[in-house]
Amino acid sequence: YTHLHDHVLPALLQAGVTQAQLDT
């Protein structure tokens, strides 16, 4: 259940996706 928040979102941030883009 926490895979998205534990793994996917940090990987996106590290790849250059901004927090503002994630919020969108």
PDBML (XML) file of the C-alpha atoms, coordinates in Angstrom:
<?xml version="1.0" encoding="UTF-8" ?>
<PDBx:datablock datablockName="MODEL"
   xmlns:PDBx="http://pdbml.pdb.org/schema/pdbx-v50.xsd"
   xmlns:xsi="http://www.w3.org/2001/XMLSchema-instance"
   xsi:schemaLocation="http://pdbml.pdb.org/schema/pdbx-v50.xsd pdbx-v50.xsd">
   <PDBx:atom_siteCategory>
      <PDBx:atom_site id="1">
         <PDBx:B_iso_or_equiv>0.00</PDBx:B_iso_or_equiv>
         <PDBx:Cartn_x>0.000</PDBx:Cartn_x>
         <PDBx:Cartn_y>0.000</PDBx:Cartn_y>
         <PDBx:Cartn_z>0.000</PDBx:Cartn_z>
         <PDBx:auth_asym_id>A</PDBx:auth_asym_id>
         <PDBx:auth_atom_id>CA</PDBx:auth_atom_id>
         <PDBx:auth_comp_id>TYR</PDBx:auth_comp_id>
         <PDBx:auth_seq_id>1</PDBx:auth_seq_id>
         <PDBx:group_PDB>ATOM</PDBx:group_PDB>
         <PDBx:label_alt_id xsi:nil="true" />
         <PDBx:label_asym_id>A</PDBx:label_asym_id>
         <PDBx:label_atom_id>CA</PDBx:label_atom_id>
         <PDBx:label_comp_id>TYR</PDBx:label_comp_id>
         <PDBx:label_entity_id>1</PDBx:label_entity_id>
         <PDBx:label_seq_id>1</PDBx:label_seq_id>
         <PDBx:occupancy>1.00</PDBx:occupancy>
         <PDBx:pdbx_PDB_model_num>1</PDBx:pdbx_PDB_model_num>
         <PDBx:type_symbol>C</PDBx:type_symbol>
      </PDBx:atom_site>
      <PDBx:atom_site id="2">
         <PDBx:B_iso_or_equiv>0.00</PDBx:B_iso_or_equiv>
         <PDBx:Cartn_x>2.874</PDBx:Cartn_x>
         <PDBx:Cartn_y>2.432</PDBx:Cartn_y>
         <PDBx:Cartn_z>0.560</PDBx:Cartn_z>
         <PDBx:auth_asym_id>A</PDBx:auth_asym_id>
         <PDBx:auth_atom_id>CA</PDBx:auth_atom_id>
         <PDBx:auth_comp_id>THR</PDBx:auth_comp_id>
         <PDBx:auth_seq_id>2</PDBx:auth_seq_id>
         <PDBx:group_PDB>ATOM</PDBx:group_PDB>
         <PDBx:label_alt_id xsi:nil="true" />
         <PDBx:label_asym_id>A</PDBx:label_asym_id>
         <PDBx:label_atom_id>CA</PDBx:label_atom_id>
         <PDBx:label_comp_id>THR</PDBx:label_comp_id>
         <PDBx:label_entity_id>1</PDBx:label_entity_id>
         <PDBx:label_seq_id>2</PDBx:label_seq_id>
         <PDBx:occupancy>1.00</PDBx:occupancy>
         <PDBx:pdbx_PDB_model_num>1</PDBx:pdbx_PDB_model_num>
         <PDBx:type_symbol>C</PDBx:type_symbol>
      </PDBx:atom_site>
      <PDBx:atom_site id="3">
         <PDBx:B_iso_or_equiv>0.00</PDBx:B_iso_or_equiv>
         <PDBx:Cartn_x>4.853</PDBx:Cartn_x>
         <PDBx:Cartn_y>1.558</PDBx:Cartn_y>
         <PDBx:Cartn_z>-2.591</PDBx:Cartn_z>
         <PDBx:auth_asym_id>A</PDBx:auth_asym_id>
         <PDBx:auth_atom_id>CA</PDBx:auth_atom_id>
         <PDBx:auth_comp_id>HIS</PDBx:auth_comp_id>
         <PDBx:auth_seq_id>3</PDBx:auth_seq_id>
         <PDBx:group_PDB>ATOM</PDBx:group_PDB>
         <PDBx:label_alt_id xsi:nil="true" />
         <PDBx:label_asym_id>A</PDBx:label_asym_id>
         <PDBx:label_atom_id>CA</PDBx:label_atom_id>
         <PDBx:label_comp_id>HIS</PDBx:label_comp_id>
         <PDBx:label_entity_id>1</PDBx:label_entity_id>
         <PDBx:label_seq_id>3</PDBx:label_seq_id>
         <PDBx:occupancy>1.00</PDBx:occupancy>
         <PDBx:pdbx_PDB_model_num>1</PDBx:pdbx_PDB_model_num>
         <PDBx:type_symbol>C</PDBx:type_symbol>
      </PDBx:atom_site>
      <PDBx:atom_site id="4">
         <PDBx:B_iso_or_equiv>0.00</PDBx:B_iso_or_equiv>
         <PDBx:Cartn_x>3.903</PDBx:Cartn_x>
         <PDBx:Cartn_y>4.779</PDBx:Cartn_y>
         <PDBx:Cartn_z>-4.391</PDBx:Cartn_z>
         <PDBx:auth_asym_id>A</PDBx:auth_asym_id>
         <PDBx:auth_atom_id>CA</PDBx:auth_atom_id>
         <PDBx:auth_comp_id>LEU</PDBx:auth_comp_id>
         <PDBx:auth_seq_id>4</PDBx:auth_seq_id>
         <PDBx:group_PDB>ATOM</PDBx:group_PDB>
         <PDBx:label_alt_id xsi:nil="true" />
         <PDBx:label_asym_id>A</PDBx:label_asym_id>
         <PDBx:label_atom_id>CA</PDBx:label_atom_id>
         <PDBx:label_comp_id>LEU</PDBx:label_comp_id>
         <PDBx:label_entity_id>1</PDBx:label_entity_id>
         <PDBx:label_seq_id>4</PDBx:label_seq_id>
         <PDBx:occupancy>1.00</PDBx:occupancy>
         <PDBx:pdbx_PDB_model_num>1</PDBx:pdbx_PDB_model_num>
         <PDBx:type_symbol>C</PDBx:type_symbol>
      </PDBx:atom_site>
      <PDBx:atom_site id="5">
         <PDBx:B_iso_or_equiv>0.00</PDBx:B_iso_or_equiv>
         <PDBx:Cartn_x>4.975</PDBx:Cartn_x>
         <PDBx:Cartn_y>7.029</PDBx:Cartn_y>
         <PDBx:Cartn_z>-1.515</PDBx:Cartn_z>
         <PDBx:auth_asym_id>A</PDBx:auth_asym_id>
         <PDBx:auth_atom_id>CA</PDBx:auth_atom_id>
         <PDBx:auth_comp_id>HIS</PDBx:auth_comp_id>
         <PDBx:auth_seq_id>5</PDBx:auth_seq_id>
         <PDBx:group_PDB>ATOM</PDBx:group_PDB>
         <PDBx:label_alt_id xsi:nil="true" />
         <PDBx:label_asym_id>A</PDBx:label_asym_id>
         <PDBx:label_atom_id>CA</PDBx:label_atom_id>
         <PDBx:label_comp_id>HIS</PDBx:label_comp_id>
         <PDBx:label_entity_id>1</PDBx:label_entity_id>
         <PDBx:label_seq_id>5</PDBx:label_seq_id>
         <PDBx:occupancy>1.00</PDBx:occupancy>
         <PDBx:pdbx_PDB_model_num>1</PDBx:pdbx_PDB_model_num>
         <PDBx:type_symbol>C</PDBx:type_symbol>
      </PDBx:atom_site>
      <PDBx:atom_site id="6">
         <PDBx:B_iso_or_equiv>0.00</PDBx:B_iso_or_equiv>
         <PDBx:Cartn_x>7.969</PDBx:Cartn_x>
         <PDBx:Cartn_y>4.963</PDBx:Cartn_y>
         <PDBx:Cartn_z>-0.441</PDBx:Cartn_z>
         <PDBx:auth_asym_id>A</PDBx:auth_asym_id>
         <PDBx:auth_atom_id>CA</PDBx:auth_atom_id>
         <PDBx:auth_comp_id>ASP</PDBx:auth_comp_id>
         <PDBx:auth_seq_id>6</PDBx:auth_seq_id>
         <PDBx:group_PDB>ATOM</PDBx:group_PDB>
         <PDBx:label_alt_id xsi:nil="true" />
         <PDBx:label_asym_id>A</PDBx:label_asym_id>
         <PDBx:label_atom_id>CA</PDBx:label_atom_id>
         <PDBx:label_comp_id>ASP</PDBx:label_comp_id>
         <PDBx:label_entity_id>1</PDBx:label_entity_id>
         <PDBx:label_seq_id>6</PDBx:label_seq_id>
         <PDBx:occupancy>1.00</PDBx:occupancy>
         <PDBx:pdbx_PDB_model_num>1</PDBx:pdbx_PDB_model_num>
         <PDBx:type_symbol>C</PDBx:type_symbol>
      </PDBx:atom_site>
      <PDBx:atom_site id="7">
         <PDBx:B_iso_or_equiv>0.00</PDBx:B_iso_or_equiv>
         <PDBx:Cartn_x>9.504</PDBx:Cartn_x>
         <PDBx:Cartn_y>4.244</PDBx:Cartn_y>
         <PDBx:Cartn_z>-3.860</PDBx:Cartn_z>
         <PDBx:auth_asym_id>A</PDBx:auth_asym_id>
         <PDBx:auth_atom_id>CA</PDBx:auth_atom_id>
         <PDBx:auth_comp_id>HIS</PDBx:auth_comp_id>
         <PDBx:auth_seq_id>7</PDBx:auth_seq_id>
         <PDBx:group_PDB>ATOM</PDBx:group_PDB>
         <PDBx:label_alt_id xsi:nil="true" />
         <PDBx:label_asym_id>A</PDBx:label_asym_id>
         <PDBx:label_atom_id>CA</PDBx:label_atom_id>
         <PDBx:label_comp_id>HIS</PDBx:label_comp_id>
         <PDBx:label_entity_id>1</PDBx:label_entity_id>
         <PDBx:label_seq_id>7</PDBx:label_seq_id>
         <PDBx:occupancy>1.00</PDBx:occupancy>
         <PDBx:pdbx_PDB_model_num>1</PDBx:pdbx_PDB_model_num>
         <PDBx:type_symbol>C</PDBx:type_symbol>
      </PDBx:atom_site>
      <PDBx:atom_site id="8">
         <PDBx:B_iso_or_equiv>0.00</PDBx:B_iso_or_equiv>
         <PDBx:Cartn_x>7.841</PDBx:Cartn_x>
         <PDBx:Cartn_y>5.846</PDBx:Cartn_y>
         <PDBx:Cartn_z>-6.871</PDBx:Cartn_z>
         <PDBx:auth_asym_id>A</PDBx:auth_asym_id>
         <PDBx:auth_atom_id>CA</PDBx:auth_atom_id>
         <PDBx:auth_comp_id>VAL</PDBx:auth_comp_id>
         <PDBx:auth_seq_id>8</PDBx:auth_seq_id>
         <PDBx:group_PDB>ATOM</PDBx:group_PDB>
         <PDBx:label_alt_id xsi:nil="true" />
         <PDBx:label_asym_id>A</PDBx:label_asym_id>
         <PDBx:label_atom_id>CA</PDBx:label_atom_id>
         <PDBx:label_comp_id>VAL</PDBx:label_comp_id>
         <PDBx:label_entity_id>1</PDBx:label_entity_id>
         <PDBx:label_seq_id>8</PDBx:label_seq_id>
         <PDBx:occupancy>1.00</PDBx:occupancy>
         <PDBx:pdbx_PDB_model_num>1</PDBx:pdbx_PDB_model_num>
         <PDBx:type_symbol>C</PDBx:type_symbol>
      </PDBx:atom_site>
      <PDBx:atom_site id="9">
         <PDBx:B_iso_or_equiv>0.00</PDBx:B_iso_or_equiv>
         <PDBx:Cartn_x>7.588</PDBx:Cartn_x>
         <PDBx:Cartn_y>9.459</PDBx:Cartn_y>
         <PDBx:Cartn_z>-5.672</PDBx:Cartn_z>
         <PDBx:auth_asym_id>A</PDBx:auth_asym_id>
         <PDBx:auth_atom_id>CA</PDBx:auth_atom_id>
         <PDBx:auth_comp_id>LEU</PDBx:auth_comp_id>
         <PDBx:auth_seq_id>9</PDBx:auth_seq_id>
         <PDBx:group_PDB>ATOM</PDBx:group_PDB>
         <PDBx:label_alt_id xsi:nil="true" />
         <PDBx:label_asym_id>A</PDBx:label_asym_id>
         <PDBx:label_atom_id>CA</PDBx:label_atom_id>
         <PDBx:label_comp_id>LEU</PDBx:label_comp_id>
         <PDBx:label_entity_id>1</PDBx:label_entity_id>
         <PDBx:label_seq_id>9</PDBx:label_seq_id>
         <PDBx:occupancy>1.00</PDBx:occupancy>
         <PDBx:pdbx_PDB_model_num>1</PDBx:pdbx_PDB_model_num>
         <PDBx:type_symbol>C</PDBx:type_symbol>
      </PDBx:atom_site>
      <PDBx:atom_site id="10">
         <PDBx:B_iso_or_equiv>0.00</PDBx:B_iso_or_equiv>
         <PDBx:Cartn_x>11.191</PDBx:Cartn_x>
         <PDBx:Cartn_y>9.614</PDBx:Cartn_y>
         <PDBx:Cartn_z>-4.387</PDBx:Cartn_z>
         <PDBx:auth_asym_id>A</PDBx:auth_asym_id>
         <PDBx:auth_atom_id>CA</PDBx:auth_atom_id>
         <PDBx:auth_comp_id>PRO</PDBx:auth_comp_id>
         <PDBx:auth_seq_id>10</PDBx:auth_seq_id>
         <PDBx:group_PDB>ATOM</PDBx:group_PDB>
         <PDBx:label_alt_id xsi:nil="true" />
         <PDBx:label_asym_id>A</PDBx:label_asym_id>
         <PDBx:label_atom_id>CA</PDBx:label_atom_id>
         <PDBx:label_comp_id>PRO</PDBx:label_comp_id>
         <PDBx:label_entity_id>1</PDBx:label_entity_id>
         <PDBx:label_seq_id>10</PDBx:label_seq_id>
         <PDBx:occupancy>1.00</PDBx:occupancy>
         <PDBx:pdbx_PDB_model_num>1</PDBx:pdbx_PDB_model_num>
         <PDBx:type_symbol>C</PDBx:type_symbol>
      </PDBx:atom_site>
      <PDBx:atom_site id="11">
         <PDBx:B_iso_or_equiv>0.00</PDBx:B_iso_or_equiv>
         <PDBx:Cartn_x>12.391</PDBx:Cartn_x>
         <PDBx:Cartn_y>8.140</PDBx:Cartn_y>
         <PDBx:Cartn_z>-7.696</PDBx:Cartn_z>
         <PDBx:auth_asym_id>A</PDBx:auth_asym_id>
         <PDBx:auth_atom_id>CA</PDBx:auth_atom_id>
         <PDBx:auth_comp_id>ALA</PDBx:auth_comp_id>
         <PDBx:auth_seq_id>11</PDBx:auth_seq_id>
         <PDBx:group_PDB>ATOM</PDBx:group_PDB>
         <PDBx:label_alt_id xsi:nil="true" />
         <PDBx:label_asym_id>A</PDBx:label_asym_id>
         <PDBx:label_atom_id>CA</PDBx:label_atom_id>
         <PDBx:label_comp_id>ALA</PDBx:label_comp_id>
         <PDBx:label_entity_id>1</PDBx:label_entity_id>
         <PDBx:label_seq_id>11</PDBx:label_seq_id>
         <PDBx:occupancy>1.00</PDBx:occupancy>
         <PDBx:pdbx_PDB_model_num>1</PDBx:pdbx_PDB_model_num>
         <PDBx:type_symbol>C</PDBx:type_symbol>
      </PDBx:atom_site>
      <PDBx:atom_site id="12">
         <PDBx:B_iso_or_equiv>0.00</PDBx:B_iso_or_equiv>
         <PDBx:Cartn_x>10.452</PDBx:Cartn_x>
         <PDBx:Cartn_y>10.779</PDBx:Cartn_y>
         <PDBx:Cartn_z>-9.631</PDBx:Cartn_z>
         <PDBx:auth_asym_id>A</PDBx:auth_asym_id>
         <PDBx:auth_atom_id>CA</PDBx:auth_atom_id>
         <PDBx:auth_comp_id>LEU</PDBx:auth_comp_id>
         <PDBx:auth_seq_id>12</PDBx:auth_seq_id>
         <PDBx:group_PDB>ATOM</PDBx:group_PDB>
         <PDBx:label_alt_id xsi:nil="true" />
         <PDBx:label_asym_id>A</PDBx:label_asym_id>
         <PDBx:label_atom_id>CA</PDBx:label_atom_id>
         <PDBx:label_comp_id>LEU</PDBx:label_comp_id>
         <PDBx:label_entity_id>1</PDBx:label_entity_id>
         <PDBx:label_seq_id>12</PDBx:label_seq_id>
         <PDBx:occupancy>1.00</PDBx:occupancy>
         <PDBx:pdbx_PDB_model_num>1</PDBx:pdbx_PDB_model_num>
         <PDBx:type_symbol>C</PDBx:type_symbol>
      </PDBx:atom_site>
      <PDBx:atom_site id="13">
         <PDBx:B_iso_or_equiv>0.00</PDBx:B_iso_or_equiv>
         <PDBx:Cartn_x>11.927</PDBx:Cartn_x>
         <PDBx:Cartn_y>13.554</PDBx:Cartn_y>
         <PDBx:Cartn_z>-7.487</PDBx:Cartn_z>
         <PDBx:auth_asym_id>A</PDBx:auth_asym_id>
         <PDBx:auth_atom_id>CA</PDBx:auth_atom_id>
         <PDBx:auth_comp_id>LEU</PDBx:auth_comp_id>
         <PDBx:auth_seq_id>13</PDBx:auth_seq_id>
         <PDBx:group_PDB>ATOM</PDBx:group_PDB>
         <PDBx:label_alt_id xsi:nil="true" />
         <PDBx:label_asym_id>A</PDBx:label_asym_id>
         <PDBx:label_atom_id>CA</PDBx:label_atom_id>
         <PDBx:label_comp_id>LEU</PDBx:label_comp_id>
         <PDBx:label_entity_id>1</PDBx:label_entity_id>
         <PDBx:label_seq_id>13</PDBx:label_seq_id>
         <PDBx:occupancy>1.00</PDBx:occupancy>
         <PDBx:pdbx_PDB_model_num>1</PDBx:pdbx_PDB_model_num>
         <PDBx:type_symbol>C</PDBx:type_symbol>
      </PDBx:atom_site>
      <PDBx:atom_site id="14">
         <PDBx:B_iso_or_equiv>0.00</PDBx:B_iso_or_equiv>
         <PDBx:Cartn_x>15.420</PDBx:Cartn_x>
         <PDBx:Cartn_y>12.182</PDBx:Cartn_y>
         <PDBx:Cartn_z>-7.991</PDBx:Cartn_z>
         <PDBx:auth_asym_id>A</PDBx:auth_asym_id>
         <PDBx:auth_atom_id>CA</PDBx:auth_atom_id>
         <PDBx:auth_comp_id>GLN</PDBx:auth_comp_id>
         <PDBx:auth_seq_id>14</PDBx:auth_seq_id>
         <PDBx:group_PDB>ATOM</PDBx:group_PDB>
         <PDBx:label_alt_id xsi:nil="true" />
         <PDBx:label_asym_id>A</PDBx:label_asym_id>
         <PDBx:label_atom_id>CA</PDBx:label_atom_id>
         <PDBx:label_comp_id>GLN</PDBx:label_comp_id>
         <PDBx:label_entity_id>1</PDBx:label_entity_id>
         <PDBx:label_seq_id>14</PDBx:label_seq_id>
         <PDBx:occupancy>1.00</PDBx:occupancy>
         <PDBx:pdbx_PDB_model_num>1</PDBx:pdbx_PDB_model_num>
         <PDBx:type_symbol>C</PDBx:type_symbol>
      </PDBx:atom_site>
      <PDBx:atom_site id="15">
         <PDBx:B_iso_or_equiv>0.00</PDBx:B_iso_or_equiv>
         <PDBx:Cartn_x>14.795</PDBx:Cartn_x>
         <PDBx:Cartn_y>12.018</PDBx:Cartn_y>
         <PDBx:Cartn_z>-11.745</PDBx:Cartn_z>
         <PDBx:auth_asym_id>A</PDBx:auth_asym_id>
         <PDBx:auth_atom_id>CA</PDBx:auth_atom_id>
         <PDBx:auth_comp_id>ALA</PDBx:auth_comp_id>
         <PDBx:auth_seq_id>15</PDBx:auth_seq_id>
         <PDBx:group_PDB>ATOM</PDBx:group_PDB>
         <PDBx:label_alt_id xsi:nil="true" />
         <PDBx:label_asym_id>A</PDBx:label_asym_id>
         <PDBx:label_atom_id>CA</PDBx:label_atom_id>
         <PDBx:label_comp_id>ALA</PDBx:label_comp_id>
         <PDBx:label_entity_id>1</PDBx:label_entity_id>
         <PDBx:label_seq_id>15</PDBx:label_seq_id>
         <PDBx:occupancy>1.00</PDBx:occupancy>
         <PDBx:pdbx_PDB_model_num>1</PDBx:pdbx_PDB_model_num>
         <PDBx:type_symbol>C</PDBx:type_symbol>
      </PDBx:atom_site>
      <PDBx:atom_site id="16">
         <PDBx:B_iso_or_equiv>0.00</PDBx:B_iso_or_equiv>
         <PDBx:Cartn_x>14.048</PDBx:Cartn_x>
         <PDBx:Cartn_y>15.730</PDBx:Cartn_y>
         <PDBx:Cartn_z>-11.805</PDBx:Cartn_z>
         <PDBx:auth_asym_id>A</PDBx:auth_asym_id>
         <PDBx:auth_atom_id>CA</PDBx:auth_atom_id>
         <PDBx:auth_comp_id>GLY</PDBx:auth_comp_id>
         <PDBx:auth_seq_id>16</PDBx:auth_seq_id>
         <PDBx:group_PDB>ATOM</PDBx:group_PDB>
         <PDBx:label_alt_id xsi:nil="true" />
         <PDBx:label_asym_id>A</PDBx:label_asym_id>
         <PDBx:label_atom_id>CA</PDBx:label_atom_id>
         <PDBx:label_comp_id>GLY</PDBx:label_comp_id>
         <PDBx:label_entity_id>1</PDBx:label_entity_id>
         <PDBx:label_seq_id>16</PDBx:label_seq_id>
         <PDBx:occupancy>1.00</PDBx:occupancy>
         <PDBx:pdbx_PDB_model_num>1</PDBx:pdbx_PDB_model_num>
         <PDBx:type_symbol>C</PDBx:type_symbol>
      </PDBx:atom_site>
      <PDBx:atom_site id="17">
         <PDBx:B_iso_or_equiv>0.00</PDBx:B_iso_or_equiv>
         <PDBx:Cartn_x>10.291</PDBx:Cartn_x>
         <PDBx:Cartn_y>15.954</PDBx:Cartn_y>
         <PDBx:Cartn_z>-11.383</PDBx:Cartn_z>
         <PDBx:auth_asym_id>A</PDBx:auth_asym_id>
         <PDBx:auth_atom_id>CA</PDBx:auth_atom_id>
         <PDBx:auth_comp_id>VAL</PDBx:auth_comp_id>
         <PDBx:auth_seq_id>17</PDBx:auth_seq_id>
         <PDBx:group_PDB>ATOM</PDBx:group_PDB>
         <PDBx:label_alt_id xsi:nil="true" />
         <PDBx:label_asym_id>A</PDBx:label_asym_id>
         <PDBx:label_atom_id>CA</PDBx:label_atom_id>
         <PDBx:label_comp_id>VAL</PDBx:label_comp_id>
         <PDBx:label_entity_id>1</PDBx:label_entity_id>
         <PDBx:label_seq_id>17</PDBx:label_seq_id>
         <PDBx:occupancy>1.00</PDBx:occupancy>
         <PDBx:pdbx_PDB_model_num>1</PDBx:pdbx_PDB_model_num>
         <PDBx:type_symbol>C</PDBx:type_symbol>
      </PDBx:atom_site>
      <PDBx:atom_site id="18">
         <PDBx:B_iso_or_equiv>0.00</PDBx:B_iso_or_equiv>
         <PDBx:Cartn_x>9.566</PDBx:Cartn_x>
         <PDBx:Cartn_y>18.940</PDBx:Cartn_y>
         <PDBx:Cartn_z>-9.150</PDBx:Cartn_z>
         <PDBx:auth_asym_id>A</PDBx:auth_asym_id>
         <PDBx:auth_atom_id>CA</PDBx:auth_atom_id>
         <PDBx:auth_comp_id>THR</PDBx:auth_comp_id>
         <PDBx:auth_seq_id>18</PDBx:auth_seq_id>
         <PDBx:group_PDB>ATOM</PDBx:group_PDB>
         <PDBx:label_alt_id xsi:nil="true" />
         <PDBx:label_asym_id>A</PDBx:label_asym_id>
         <PDBx:label_atom_id>CA</PDBx:label_atom_id>
         <PDBx:label_comp_id>THR</PDBx:label_comp_id>
         <PDBx:label_entity_id>1</PDBx:label_entity_id>
         <PDBx:label_seq_id>18</PDBx:label_seq_id>
         <PDBx:occupancy>1.00</PDBx:occupancy>
         <PDBx:pdbx_PDB_model_num>1</PDBx:pdbx_PDB_model_num>
         <PDBx:type_symbol>C</PDBx:type_symbol>
      </PDBx:atom_site>
      <PDBx:atom_site id="19">
         <PDBx:B_iso_or_equiv>0.00</PDBx:B_iso_or_equiv>
         <PDBx:Cartn_x>7.386</PDBx:Cartn_x>
         <PDBx:Cartn_y>18.900</PDBx:Cartn_y>
         <PDBx:Cartn_z>-6.068</PDBx:Cartn_z>
         <PDBx:auth_asym_id>A</PDBx:auth_asym_id>
         <PDBx:auth_atom_id>CA</PDBx:auth_atom_id>
         <PDBx:auth_comp_id>GLN</PDBx:auth_comp_id>
         <PDBx:auth_seq_id>19</PDBx:auth_seq_id>
         <PDBx:group_PDB>ATOM</PDBx:group_PDB>
         <PDBx:label_alt_id xsi:nil="true" />
         <PDBx:label_asym_id>A</PDBx:label_asym_id>
         <PDBx:label_atom_id>CA</PDBx:label_atom_id>
         <PDBx:label_comp_id>GLN</PDBx:label_comp_id>
         <PDBx:label_entity_id>1</PDBx:label_entity_id>
         <PDBx:label_seq_id>19</PDBx:label_seq_id>
         <PDBx:occupancy>1.00</PDBx:occupancy>
         <PDBx:pdbx_PDB_model_num>1</PDBx:pdbx_PDB_model_num>
         <PDBx:type_symbol>C</PDBx:type_symbol>
      </PDBx:atom_site>
      <PDBx:atom_site id="20">
         <PDBx:B_iso_or_equiv>0.00</PDBx:B_iso_or_equiv>
         <PDBx:Cartn_x>5.095</PDBx:Cartn_x>
         <PDBx:Cartn_y>21.384</PDBx:Cartn_y>
         <PDBx:Cartn_z>-7.811</PDBx:Cartn_z>
         <PDBx:auth_asym_id>A</PDBx:auth_asym_id>
         <PDBx:auth_atom_id>CA</PDBx:auth_atom_id>
         <PDBx:auth_comp_id>ALA</PDBx:auth_comp_id>
         <PDBx:auth_seq_id>20</PDBx:auth_seq_id>
         <PDBx:group_PDB>ATOM</PDBx:group_PDB>
         <PDBx:label_alt_id xsi:nil="true" />
         <PDBx:label_asym_id>A</PDBx:label_asym_id>
         <PDBx:label_atom_id>CA</PDBx:label_atom_id>
         <PDBx:label_comp_id>ALA</PDBx:label_comp_id>
         <PDBx:label_entity_id>1</PDBx:label_entity_id>
         <PDBx:label_seq_id>20</PDBx:label_seq_id>
         <PDBx:occupancy>1.00</PDBx:occupancy>
         <PDBx:pdbx_PDB_model_num>1</PDBx:pdbx_PDB_model_num>
         <PDBx:type_symbol>C</PDBx:type_symbol>
      </PDBx:atom_site>
      <PDBx:atom_site id="21">
         <PDBx:B_iso_or_equiv>0.00</PDBx:B_iso_or_equiv>
         <PDBx:Cartn_x>4.661</PDBx:Cartn_x>
         <PDBx:Cartn_y>18.938</PDBx:Cartn_y>
         <PDBx:Cartn_z>-10.705</PDBx:Cartn_z>
         <PDBx:auth_asym_id>A</PDBx:auth_asym_id>
         <PDBx:auth_atom_id>CA</PDBx:auth_atom_id>
         <PDBx:auth_comp_id>GLN</PDBx:auth_comp_id>
         <PDBx:auth_seq_id>21</PDBx:auth_seq_id>
         <PDBx:group_PDB>ATOM</PDBx:group_PDB>
         <PDBx:label_alt_id xsi:nil="true" />
         <PDBx:label_asym_id>A</PDBx:label_asym_id>
         <PDBx:label_atom_id>CA</PDBx:label_atom_id>
         <PDBx:label_comp_id>GLN</PDBx:label_comp_id>
         <PDBx:label_entity_id>1</PDBx:label_entity_id>
         <PDBx:label_seq_id>21</PDBx:label_seq_id>
         <PDBx:occupancy>1.00</PDBx:occupancy>
         <PDBx:pdbx_PDB_model_num>1</PDBx:pdbx_PDB_model_num>
         <PDBx:type_symbol>C</PDBx:type_symbol>
      </PDBx:atom_site>
      <PDBx:atom_site id="22">
         <PDBx:B_iso_or_equiv>0.00</PDBx:B_iso_or_equiv>
         <PDBx:Cartn_x>3.865</PDBx:Cartn_x>
         <PDBx:Cartn_y>16.112</PDBx:Cartn_y>
         <PDBx:Cartn_z>-8.290</PDBx:Cartn_z>
         <PDBx:auth_asym_id>A</PDBx:auth_asym_id>
         <PDBx:auth_atom_id>CA</PDBx:auth_atom_id>
         <PDBx:auth_comp_id>LEU</PDBx:auth_comp_id>
         <PDBx:auth_seq_id>22</PDBx:auth_seq_id>
         <PDBx:group_PDB>ATOM</PDBx:group_PDB>
         <PDBx:label_alt_id xsi:nil="true" />
         <PDBx:label_asym_id>A</PDBx:label_asym_id>
         <PDBx:label_atom_id>CA</PDBx:label_atom_id>
         <PDBx:label_comp_id>LEU</PDBx:label_comp_id>
         <PDBx:label_entity_id>1</PDBx:label_entity_id>
         <PDBx:label_seq_id>22</PDBx:label_seq_id>
         <PDBx:occupancy>1.00</PDBx:occupancy>
         <PDBx:pdbx_PDB_model_num>1</PDBx:pdbx_PDB_model_num>
         <PDBx:type_symbol>C</PDBx:type_symbol>
      </PDBx:atom_site>
      <PDBx:atom_site id="23">
         <PDBx:B_iso_or_equiv>0.00</PDBx:B_iso_or_equiv>
         <PDBx:Cartn_x>1.340</PDBx:Cartn_x>
         <PDBx:Cartn_y>18.343</PDBx:Cartn_y>
         <PDBx:Cartn_z>-6.540</PDBx:Cartn_z>
         <PDBx:auth_asym_id>A</PDBx:auth_asym_id>
         <PDBx:auth_atom_id>CA</PDBx:auth_atom_id>
         <PDBx:auth_comp_id>ASP</PDBx:auth_comp_id>
         <PDBx:auth_seq_id>23</PDBx:auth_seq_id>
         <PDBx:group_PDB>ATOM</PDBx:group_PDB>
         <PDBx:label_alt_id xsi:nil="true" />
         <PDBx:label_asym_id>A</PDBx:label_asym_id>
         <PDBx:label_atom_id>CA</PDBx:label_atom_id>
         <PDBx:label_comp_id>ASP</PDBx:label_comp_id>
         <PDBx:label_entity_id>1</PDBx:label_entity_id>
         <PDBx:label_seq_id>23</PDBx:label_seq_id>
         <PDBx:occupancy>1.00</PDBx:occupancy>
         <PDBx:pdbx_PDB_model_num>1</PDBx:pdbx_PDB_model_num>
         <PDBx:type_symbol>C</PDBx:type_symbol>
      </PDBx:atom_site>
      <PDBx:atom_site id="24">
         <PDBx:B_iso_or_equiv>0.00</PDBx:B_iso_or_equiv>
         <PDBx:Cartn_x>-0.296</PDBx:Cartn_x>
         <PDBx:Cartn_y>19.039</PDBx:Cartn_y>
         <PDBx:Cartn_z>-9.896</PDBx:Cartn_z>
         <PDBx:auth_asym_id>A</PDBx:auth_asym_id>
         <PDBx:auth_atom_id>CA</PDBx:auth_atom_id>
         <PDBx:auth_comp_id>THR</PDBx:auth_comp_id>
         <PDBx:auth_seq_id>24</PDBx:auth_seq_id>
         <PDBx:group_PDB>ATOM</PDBx:group_PDB>
         <PDBx:label_alt_id xsi:nil="true" />
         <PDBx:label_asym_id>A</PDBx:label_asym_id>
         <PDBx:label_atom_id>CA</PDBx:label_atom_id>
         <PDBx:label_comp_id>THR</PDBx:label_comp_id>
         <PDBx:label_entity_id>1</PDBx:label_entity_id>
         <PDBx:label_seq_id>24</PDBx:label_seq_id>
         <PDBx:occupancy>1.00</PDBx:occupancy>
         <PDBx:pdbx_PDB_model_num>1</PDBx:pdbx_PDB_model_num>
         <PDBx:type_symbol>C</PDBx:type_symbol>
      </PDBx:atom_site>
   </PDBx:atom_siteCategory>
</PDBx:datablock>
